[in-house]
């Protein structure tokens, strides 16, 4: 008797609903598991597409109510490799960077298409010198070393995942990253848990 009551009490403590007779326990479906952490800064990584018909891409988003100057901000997939840093202002420090403003609520799609940055040549600030893999990382880093946002991810369900799936913050601009339909430069798709 004590063991049976303890099992029912343990099930109740875990949020499991017990049937009237206590013999069968009904377990609710598990909550969806997102990747990464919720957004904390104003400039964030909002969606990534490490697979697809075209180049890999990353959407960054200004979720604040003020403009953000992208000078002094880098996108990278390897914080320890300087050749994998894309200066979003279009120039490498210590060169002067003319303002490159991302307006409040605006999104910018950056292509991770392995476009090399060649010393002395103009930098295209929307084409990164790296590609994304199905298990990788992506970071927004300031010139002072502060990590504004980042994600270490495993693209679900692995290398055989359909190309029409991205990892997107849900809810848009706030939540963890979940597999969703691509929405480059648009509000991320939202799915309600069953």
Protein backbone atom coordinates (compact mmCIF):
# COMPACT_ATOMS: atom_id res chain seq x y z
CA UNK A 1 0.00 0.00 0.00
CA UNK A 2 2.77 2.45 0.95
CA UNK A 3 4.68 1.77 -2.29
CA UNK A 4 1.52 2.34 -4.38
CA UNK A 5 0.75 5.67 -2.61
CA UNK A 6 4.37 6.76 -2.97
CA UNK A 7 4.26 6.07 -6.72
CA UNK A 8 1.04 8.08 -7.10
CA UNK A 9 2.45 10.91 -4.96
CA UNK A 10 5.67 10.92 -6.99
CA UNK A 11 3.71 10.98 -10.22
CA UNK A 12 1.62 13.90 -8.95
CA UNK A 13 4.75 15.78 -7.88
CA UNK A 14 6.15 15.36 -11.39
CA UNK A 15 2.97 16.69 -12.97
CA UNK A 16 1.73 13.28 -14.08
CA UNK A 17 -1.99 12.70 -13.96
CA UNK A 18 -3.04 9.46 -12.28
CA UNK A 19 -6.25 7.71 -13.30
CA UNK A 20 -9.02 7.17 -10.75
CA UNK A 21 -7.95 3.66 -9.82
CA UNK A 22 -4.25 4.55 -9.68
CA UNK A 23 -3.10 1.56 -11.72
CA UNK A 24 -2.49 3.41 -14.98
CA UNK A 25 -0.52 6.63 -15.13
CA UNK A 26 -1.08 9.04 -17.98
CA UNK A 27 2.01 10.98 -18.89
CA UNK A 28 1.58 14.20 -20.89
CA UNK A 29 3.70 14.53 -24.03
CA UNK A 30 7.11 16.12 -23.42
CA UNK A 31 7.47 19.84 -24.00
CA UNK A 32 9.34 20.76 -27.18
CA UNK A 33 13.05 21.21 -26.59
CA UNK A 34 14.59 24.31 -28.03
CA UNK A 35 18.27 25.08 -28.47
CA UNK A 36 20.30 27.97 -27.16
CA UNK A 37 19.01 30.51 -24.70
CA UNK A 38 16.45 33.28 -24.75
CA UNK A 39 17.55 36.60 -26.23
CA UNK A 40 19.02 39.14 -23.80
CA UNK A 41 20.61 41.84 -25.99
CA UNK A 42 19.06 44.30 -28.42
CA UNK A 43 20.93 42.94 -31.47
CA UNK A 44 20.34 39.22 -31.79
CA UNK A 45 20.68 36.21 -34.05
CA UNK A 46 17.05 35.38 -34.84
CA UNK A 47 17.17 32.60 -37.44
CA UNK A 48 19.79 30.41 -39.10
CA UNK A 49 19.64 28.24 -42.21
CA UNK A 50 22.56 25.81 -42.25
CA UNK A 51 21.05 23.90 -45.16
CA UNK A 52 19.09 24.80 -48.22
CA UNK A 53 19.12 25.12 -51.97
CA UNK A 54 21.22 28.27 -51.88
CA UNK A 55 23.89 29.52 -49.50
CA UNK A 56 23.58 29.20 -45.73
CA UNK A 57 22.19 32.34 -44.11
CA UNK A 58 21.74 34.05 -40.76
CA UNK A 59 19.11 36.63 -39.85
CA UNK A 60 20.04 39.27 -37.30
CA UNK A 61 17.37 41.43 -35.71
CA UNK A 62 17.28 44.77 -33.93
CA UNK A 63 14.63 44.08 -31.32
CA UNK A 64 15.08 47.44 -29.60
CA UNK A 65 13.24 50.74 -30.06
CA UNK A 66 16.43 52.59 -31.06
CA UNK A 67 18.70 52.33 -34.12
CA UNK A 68 21.85 50.20 -33.77
CA UNK A 69 25.09 51.03 -35.58
CA UNK A 70 26.62 47.81 -36.91
CA UNK A 71 30.13 49.29 -36.93
CA UNK A 72 32.22 47.42 -34.41
CA UNK A 73 30.04 44.27 -34.59
CA UNK A 74 31.19 40.99 -36.13
CA UNK A 75 29.44 37.78 -37.11
CA UNK A 76 31.55 34.65 -36.69
CA UNK A 77 31.23 30.88 -36.54
CA UNK A 78 34.60 30.46 -34.79
CA UNK A 79 35.56 33.00 -32.14
CA UNK A 80 39.16 31.75 -32.21
CA UNK A 81 39.65 32.26 -35.99
CA UNK A 82 40.07 35.85 -37.17
CA UNK A 83 39.65 34.75 -40.80
CA UNK A 84 36.06 33.77 -39.87
CA UNK A 85 35.00 37.25 -38.73
CA UNK A 86 32.59 39.30 -40.87
CA UNK A 87 32.64 43.01 -39.93
CA UNK A 88 29.02 44.12 -40.22
CA UNK A 89 30.13 47.72 -40.70
CA UNK A 90 32.05 46.72 -43.83
CA UNK A 91 35.56 47.63 -42.59
CA UNK A 92 38.12 45.95 -40.35
CA UNK A 93 39.34 47.84 -37.30
CA UNK A 94 41.22 50.08 -36.82
CA UNK A 95 39.92 51.63 -40.08
CA UNK A 96 37.19 54.25 -39.68
CA UNK A 97 33.75 52.76 -40.13
CA UNK A 98 31.01 54.95 -41.62
CA UNK A 99 27.74 54.39 -39.75
CA UNK A 100 25.74 51.38 -40.91
CA UNK A 101 22.42 51.63 -39.13
CA UNK A 102 19.94 48.83 -38.48
CA UNK A 103 16.63 50.53 -37.66
CA UNK A 104 14.42 49.42 -34.77
CA UNK A 105 12.52 46.26 -35.69
CA UNK A 106 14.61 45.71 -38.84
CA UNK A 107 16.09 42.37 -39.85
CA UNK A 108 19.19 41.78 -41.91
CA UNK A 109 19.94 38.52 -43.74
CA UNK A 110 23.63 37.66 -43.97
CA UNK A 111 24.88 34.92 -46.30
CA UNK A 112 27.36 32.39 -44.90
CA UNK A 113 28.72 31.56 -48.34
CA UNK A 114 32.48 31.40 -47.67
CA UNK A 115 33.27 34.71 -49.41
CA UNK A 116 36.91 35.43 -48.49
CA UNK A 117 37.92 38.77 -47.04
CA UNK A 118 41.01 39.95 -48.89
CA UNK A 119 43.23 42.57 -47.29
CA UNK A 120 42.92 45.94 -49.01
CA UNK A 121 39.79 44.95 -50.96
CA UNK A 122 36.29 46.21 -50.22
CA UNK A 123 34.34 44.03 -47.79
CA UNK A 124 30.79 43.01 -48.61
CA UNK A 125 29.20 43.06 -45.13
CA UNK A 126 26.42 40.62 -46.07
CA UNK A 127 28.68 37.77 -47.30
CA UNK A 128 30.54 35.90 -44.55
CA UNK A 129 33.94 34.23 -44.93
CA UNK A 130 32.56 30.92 -43.65
CA UNK A 131 29.76 28.42 -44.17
CA UNK A 132 27.59 26.79 -41.53
CA UNK A 133 27.62 23.10 -40.76
CA UNK A 134 24.85 20.92 -39.31
CA UNK A 135 26.65 21.03 -35.94
CA UNK A 136 28.23 24.45 -35.51
CA UNK A 137 28.13 27.76 -33.68
CA UNK A 138 27.33 31.34 -34.62
CA UNK A 139 28.05 34.52 -32.64
CA UNK A 140 27.60 38.29 -32.74
CA UNK A 141 30.70 39.82 -31.12
CA UNK A 142 31.61 43.46 -30.47
CA UNK A 143 35.15 44.81 -31.02
CA UNK A 144 35.56 45.09 -27.24
CA UNK A 145 35.10 41.31 -26.97
CA UNK A 146 31.55 41.36 -25.63
CA UNK A 147 29.43 38.53 -27.05
CA UNK A 148 26.08 40.11 -27.94
CA UNK A 149 24.40 36.84 -28.87
CA UNK A 150 25.36 33.34 -29.86
CA UNK A 151 24.17 29.83 -30.50
CA UNK A 152 25.91 26.47 -30.35
CA UNK A 153 23.56 24.19 -32.27
CA UNK A 154 22.89 20.77 -33.68
CA UNK A 155 20.66 21.06 -36.74
CA UNK A 156 17.77 18.68 -36.13
CA UNK A 157 17.23 15.96 -37.06
CA UNK A 158 20.74 15.91 -38.49
CA UNK A 159 22.29 15.93 -41.95
CA UNK A 160 19.23 14.31 -43.54
CA UNK A 161 16.87 17.09 -42.41
CA UNK A 162 14.85 18.72 -45.18
CA UNK A 163 16.40 21.88 -46.56
CA UNK A 164 13.20 23.85 -46.00
CA UNK A 165 13.71 23.85 -42.21
CA UNK A 166 15.65 26.52 -40.29
CA UNK A 167 16.40 27.11 -36.62
CA UNK A 168 14.31 30.09 -35.52
CA UNK A 169 13.64 31.87 -32.27
CA UNK A 170 10.12 31.10 -31.10
CA UNK A 171 8.57 33.39 -30.06
CA UNK A 172 10.15 35.65 -32.65
CA UNK A 173 12.94 37.82 -31.28
CA UNK A 174 12.79 36.28 -27.82
CA UNK A 175 12.65 32.52 -27.37
CA UNK A 176 14.84 29.49 -27.85
CA UNK A 177 15.65 28.12 -31.31
CA UNK A 178 13.27 25.53 -32.82
CA UNK A 179 13.02 23.87 -36.25
CA UNK A 180 10.63 26.04 -38.29
CA UNK A 181 9.76 26.99 -41.85
CA UNK A 182 12.18 29.61 -43.26
CA UNK A 183 11.18 33.25 -42.84
CA UNK A 184 14.19 35.33 -43.95
CA UNK A 185 13.72 39.04 -43.14
CA UNK A 186 10.21 38.31 -41.78
CA UNK A 187 8.62 37.42 -38.45
CA UNK A 188 9.48 33.84 -37.47
CA UNK A 189 6.79 31.18 -37.63
CA UNK A 190 5.21 30.43 -34.25
CA UNK A 191 3.94 27.04 -33.24
CA UNK A 192 1.68 26.44 -30.27
CA UNK A 193 2.59 23.41 -28.18
CA UNK A 194 -0.15 20.70 -28.09
